[in-house]
């Protein structure tokens, strides 16, 4: 008979409070993001995809992985953004058989406006000193496994 594993340790009250606060921050961020997207007549998923493509062109498969959705959903979102002139499909320079989606100049402008329109994400941070923002950044990177760099 296999040994019984020790009972899972319950998180302490401070950890639970931090988890709850992270959840509140995420919920408020998504609410603000949806509002900013709506100001550009975009859905949240369209805005997130456009933001990703404003950083670099990506094949549909990678977009689906990053957005954690089915490739067919990504195709529909890209179709709608392409119809608005915010995204274009082009051959992958590394493999001409593959198409990548890329933000157009107008798409990059809208993505920049979206980032700048995130009041919840920006306004509270303005009240922190540079040292506090760096400390928060470094802690978040550490939580995500990315380490800390200046």
C-alpha atoms as a PDB file:
ATOM      1  CA  UNK A   1       0.000   0.000   0.000  1.00  0.00           C
ATOM      2  CA  UNK A   2       1.375   3.418  -0.979  1.00  0.00           C
ATOM      3  CA  UNK A   3       2.128   5.867   1.826  1.00  0.00           C
ATOM      4  CA  UNK A   4      -0.475   8.572   2.358  1.00  0.00           C
ATOM      5  CA  UNK A   5       0.824  11.990   1.268  1.00  0.00           C
ATOM      6  CA  UNK A   6       0.946  14.616   3.984  1.00  0.00           C
ATOM      7  CA  UNK A   7      -2.097  16.900   4.060  1.00  0.00           C
ATOM      8  CA  UNK A   8      -1.727  20.039   1.952  1.00  0.00           C
ATOM      9  CA  UNK A   9      -0.669  23.038   3.974  1.00  0.00           C
ATOM     10  CA  UNK A  10      -3.310  25.732   4.014  1.00  0.00           C
ATOM     11  CA  UNK A  11      -2.142  29.149   2.848  1.00  0.00           C
ATOM     12  CA  UNK A  12      -1.658  31.727   5.567  1.00  0.00           C
ATOM     13  CA  UNK A  13      -3.953  34.762   5.867  1.00  0.00           C
ATOM     14  CA  UNK A  14      -1.445  37.147   4.271  1.00  0.00           C
ATOM     15  CA  UNK A  15      -1.020  34.902   1.225  1.00  0.00           C
ATOM     16  CA  UNK A  16      -4.792  34.639   0.855  1.00  0.00           C
ATOM     17  CA  UNK A  17      -5.151  38.428   1.085  1.00  0.00           C
ATOM     18  CA  UNK A  18      -2.499  38.889  -1.630  1.00  0.00           C
ATOM     19  CA  UNK A  19      -4.251  36.305  -3.836  1.00  0.00           C
ATOM     20  CA  UNK A  20      -7.551  38.151  -3.405  1.00  0.00           C
ATOM     21  CA  UNK A  21      -5.910  41.499  -4.219  1.00  0.00           C
ATOM     22  CA  UNK A  22      -4.308  40.054  -7.363  1.00  0.00           C
ATOM     23  CA  UNK A  23      -7.744  38.788  -8.399  1.00  0.00           C
ATOM     24  CA  UNK A  24      -9.237  42.245  -7.826  1.00  0.00           C
ATOM     25  CA  UNK A  25      -6.460  43.889  -9.856  1.00  0.00           C
ATOM     26  CA  UNK A  26      -6.949  41.432 -12.741  1.00  0.00           C
ATOM     27  CA  UNK A  27     -10.728  41.960 -12.741  1.00  0.00           C
ATOM     28  CA  UNK A  28     -10.364  45.753 -12.732  1.00  0.00           C
ATOM     29  CA  UNK A  29      -7.681  45.609 -15.441  1.00  0.00           C
ATOM     30  CA  UNK A  30      -9.944  43.533 -17.727  1.00  0.00           C
ATOM     31  CA  UNK A  31     -12.894  45.851 -17.034  1.00  0.00           C
ATOM     32  CA  UNK A  32     -10.755  48.876 -17.954  1.00  0.00           C
ATOM     33  CA  UNK A  33      -9.364  47.052 -21.005  1.00  0.00           C
ATOM     34  CA  UNK A  34     -12.889  46.225 -22.248  1.00  0.00           C
ATOM     35  CA  UNK A  35     -13.884  49.888 -21.812  1.00  0.00           C
ATOM     36  CA  UNK A  36     -10.795  51.115 -23.697  1.00  0.00           C
ATOM     37  CA  UNK A  37     -11.477  48.570 -26.451  1.00  0.00           C
ATOM     38  CA  UNK A  38     -15.088  49.724 -26.704  1.00  0.00           C
ATOM     39  CA  UNK A  39     -13.931  53.311 -27.265  1.00  0.00           C
ATOM     40  CA  UNK A  40     -12.318  51.996 -30.478  1.00  0.00           C
ATOM     41  CA  UNK A  41     -15.334  49.825 -31.401  1.00  0.00           C
ATOM     42  CA  UNK A  42     -13.316  46.689 -30.605  1.00  0.00           C
ATOM     43  CA  UNK A  43     -14.149  43.675 -28.488  1.00  0.00           C
ATOM     44  CA  UNK A  44     -11.732  42.662 -25.726  1.00  0.00           C
ATOM     45  CA  UNK A  45     -10.344  39.721 -27.748  1.00  0.00           C
ATOM     46  CA  UNK A  46      -9.863  41.969 -30.807  1.00  0.00           C
ATOM     47  CA  UNK A  47      -7.998  44.521 -28.696  1.00  0.00           C
ATOM     48  CA  UNK A  48      -5.776  41.854 -27.092  1.00  0.00           C
ATOM     49  CA  UNK A  49      -4.924  40.351 -30.486  1.00  0.00           C
ATOM     50  CA  UNK A  50      -4.176  43.791 -31.932  1.00  0.00           C
ATOM     51  CA  UNK A  51      -1.938  44.587 -28.961  1.00  0.00           C
ATOM     52  CA  UNK A  52       0.029  41.363 -29.513  1.00  0.00           C
ATOM     53  CA  UNK A  53       0.417  42.096 -33.228  1.00  0.00           C
ATOM     54  CA  UNK A  54       1.563  45.648 -32.532  1.00  0.00           C
ATOM     55  CA  UNK A  55       4.662  44.114 -30.921  1.00  0.00           C
ATOM     56  CA  UNK A  56       5.477  41.624 -33.702  1.00  0.00           C
ATOM     57  CA  UNK A  57       3.824  39.781 -36.593  1.00  0.00           C
ATOM     58  CA  UNK A  58       2.732  36.278 -35.583  1.00  0.00           C
ATOM     59  CA  UNK A  59       1.330  33.188 -37.300  1.00  0.00           C
ATOM     60  CA  UNK A  60      -2.242  32.240 -36.395  1.00  0.00           C
ATOM     61  CA  UNK A  61      -1.079  29.174 -34.452  1.00  0.00           C
ATOM     62  CA  UNK A  62       1.088  31.297 -32.123  1.00  0.00           C
ATOM     63  CA  UNK A  63      -1.672  33.880 -31.710  1.00  0.00           C
ATOM     64  CA  UNK A  64      -4.065  31.121 -30.667  1.00  0.00           C
ATOM     65  CA  UNK A  65      -1.517  29.809 -28.148  1.00  0.00           C
ATOM     66  CA  UNK A  66      -0.922  33.250 -26.650  1.00  0.00           C
ATOM     67  CA  UNK A  67      -4.636  34.045 -26.454  1.00  0.00           C
ATOM     68  CA  UNK A  68      -5.401  30.510 -25.230  1.00  0.00           C
ATOM     69  CA  UNK A  69      -8.127  29.915 -27.803  1.00  0.00           C
ATOM     70  CA  UNK A  70      -8.815  27.871 -30.924  1.00  0.00           C
ATOM     71  CA  UNK A  71      -7.071  28.853 -34.187  1.00  0.00           C
ATOM     72  CA  UNK A  72     -10.488  29.156 -35.890  1.00  0.00           C
ATOM     73  CA  UNK A  73     -11.421  31.884 -33.375  1.00  0.00           C
ATOM     74  CA  UNK A  74      -8.203  33.736 -34.164  1.00  0.00           C
ATOM     75  CA  UNK A  75      -8.949  33.549 -37.887  1.00  0.00           C
ATOM     76  CA  UNK A  76     -12.325  35.223 -37.338  1.00  0.00           C
ATOM     77  CA  UNK A  77     -10.815  37.962 -35.176  1.00  0.00           C
ATOM     78  CA  UNK A  78      -8.059  38.619 -37.730  1.00  0.00           C
ATOM     79  CA  UNK A  79     -10.672  38.718 -40.527  1.00  0.00           C
ATOM     80  CA  UNK A  80     -12.633  41.432 -38.675  1.00  0.00           C
ATOM     81  CA  UNK A  81      -9.511  43.471 -37.867  1.00  0.00           C
ATOM     82  CA  UNK A  82      -8.284  43.104 -41.448  1.00  0.00           C
ATOM     83  CA  UNK A  83     -11.641  44.392 -42.764  1.00  0.00           C
ATOM     84  CA  UNK A  84     -11.093  47.531 -40.654  1.00  0.00           C
ATOM     85  CA  UNK A  85      -7.556  48.036 -41.954  1.00  0.00           C
ATOM     86  CA  UNK A  86      -5.936  47.358 -38.569  1.00  0.00           C
ATOM     87  CA  UNK A  87      -4.273  44.051 -39.468  1.00  0.00           C
ATOM     88  CA  UNK A  88      -2.899  42.492 -42.622  1.00  0.00           C
ATOM     89  CA  UNK A  89      -1.804  39.005 -43.585  1.00  0.00           C
ATOM     90  CA  UNK A  90       1.609  38.580 -45.172  1.00  0.00           C
ATOM     91  CA  UNK A  91       4.020  35.756 -45.948  1.00  0.00           C
ATOM     92  CA  UNK A  92       6.342  34.740 -43.130  1.00  0.00           C
ATOM     93  CA  UNK A  93       9.846  35.902 -44.136  1.00  0.00           C
ATOM     94  CA  UNK A  94      11.300  32.668 -42.689  1.00  0.00           C
ATOM     95  CA  UNK A  95       8.812  30.313 -44.383  1.00  0.00           C
ATOM     96  CA  UNK A  96       6.896  31.648 -47.381  1.00  0.00           C
ATOM     97  CA  UNK A  97       4.335  28.819 -47.018  1.00  0.00           C
ATOM     98  CA  UNK A  98       3.169  30.316 -43.709  1.00  0.00           C
ATOM     99  CA  UNK A  99       1.115  33.493 -43.384  1.00  0.00           C
ATOM    100  CA  UNK A 100       1.570  35.825 -40.429  1.00  0.00           C
ATOM    101  CA  UNK A 101      -0.808  38.471 -39.182  1.00  0.00           C
ATOM    102  CA  UNK A 102       0.722  41.910 -38.643  1.00  0.00           C
ATOM    103  CA  UNK A 103      -0.639  45.204 -37.374  1.00  0.00           C
ATOM    104  CA  UNK A 104      -0.842  47.959 -39.961  1.00  0.00           C
ATOM    105  CA  UNK A 105       0.357  51.461 -39.130  1.00  0.00           C
ATOM    106  CA  UNK A 106      -3.234  52.328 -38.151  1.00  0.00           C
ATOM    107  CA  UNK A 107      -3.414  49.131 -36.066  1.00  0.00           C
ATOM    108  CA  UNK A 108      -0.234  50.101 -34.191  1.00  0.00           C
ATOM    109  CA  UNK A 109      -1.699  53.557 -33.534  1.00  0.00           C
ATOM    110  CA  UNK A 110      -4.934  52.064 -32.160  1.00  0.00           C
ATOM    111  CA  UNK A 111      -2.948  49.598 -29.997  1.00  0.00           C
ATOM    112  CA  UNK A 112      -0.886  52.503 -28.607  1.00  0.00           C
ATOM    113  CA  UNK A 113      -4.096  54.462 -27.887  1.00  0.00           C
ATOM    114  CA  UNK A 114      -5.491  51.396 -26.105  1.00  0.00           C
ATOM    115  CA  UNK A 115      -2.430  51.098 -23.854  1.00  0.00           C
ATOM    116  CA  UNK A 116      -2.502  54.812 -23.099  1.00  0.00           C
ATOM    117  CA  UNK A 117      -6.250  54.633 -22.374  1.00  0.00           C
ATOM    118  CA  UNK A 118      -5.912  52.107 -19.563  1.00  0.00           C
ATOM    119  CA  UNK A 119      -6.678  54.453 -16.693  1.00  0.00           C
ATOM    120  CA  UNK A 120      -6.851  51.820 -13.958  1.00  0.00           C
ATOM    121  CA  UNK A 121      -3.499  50.378 -14.925  1.00  0.00           C
ATOM    122  CA  UNK A 122      -1.837  53.788 -15.210  1.00  0.00           C
ATOM    123  CA  UNK A 123      -3.332  56.171 -12.654  1.00  0.00           C
ATOM    124  CA  UNK A 124      -2.533  54.276  -9.430  1.00  0.00           C
ATOM    125  CA  UNK A 125       1.026  53.691 -10.628  1.00  0.00           C
ATOM    126  CA  UNK A 126       1.547  57.429 -11.060  1.00  0.00           C
ATOM    127  CA  UNK A 127       1.100  57.782  -7.289  1.00  0.00           C
ATOM    128  CA  UNK A 128       4.064  55.489  -6.630  1.00  0.00           C
ATOM    129  CA  UNK A 129       7.668  56.628  -6.629  1.00  0.00           C
ATOM    130  CA  UNK A 130      10.104  55.305  -9.237  1.00  0.00           C
ATOM    131  CA  UNK A 131      11.620  53.022  -6.585  1.00  0.00           C
ATOM    132  CA  UNK A 132       8.171  51.645  -5.656  1.00  0.00           C
ATOM    133  CA  UNK A 133       7.268  51.023  -9.322  1.00  0.00           C
ATOM    134  CA  UNK A 134      10.598  49.255  -9.879  1.00  0.00           C
ATOM    135  CA  UNK A 135      10.061  47.124  -6.760  1.00  0.00           C
ATOM    136  CA  UNK A 136       6.531  46.220  -7.909  1.00  0.00           C
ATOM    137  CA  UNK A 137       7.796  45.420 -11.415  1.00  0.00           C
ATOM    138  CA  UNK A 138      10.566  43.219 -10.034  1.00  0.00           C
ATOM    139  CA  UNK A 139       8.190  41.382  -7.694  1.00  0.00           C
ATOM    140  CA  UNK A 140       5.710  40.748 -10.521  1.00  0.00           C
ATOM    141  CA  UNK A 141       8.500  39.498 -12.783  1.00  0.00           C
ATOM    142  CA  UNK A 142       9.691  37.214 -10.007  1.00  0.00           C
ATOM    143  CA  UNK A 143       6.162  35.856  -9.512  1.00  0.00           C
ATOM    144  CA  UNK A 144       5.998  35.132 -13.240  1.00  0.00           C
ATOM    145  CA  UNK A 145       9.405  33.439 -13.187  1.00  0.00           C
ATOM    146  CA  UNK A 146      11.152  36.127 -15.215  1.00  0.00           C
ATOM    147  CA  UNK A 147      13.630  37.378 -12.637  1.00  0.00           C
ATOM    148  CA  UNK A 148      14.487  41.028 -12.179  1.00  0.00           C
ATOM    149  CA  UNK A 149      16.382  43.398 -14.445  1.00  0.00           C
ATOM    150  CA  UNK A 150      16.710  47.161 -14.596  1.00  0.00           C
END
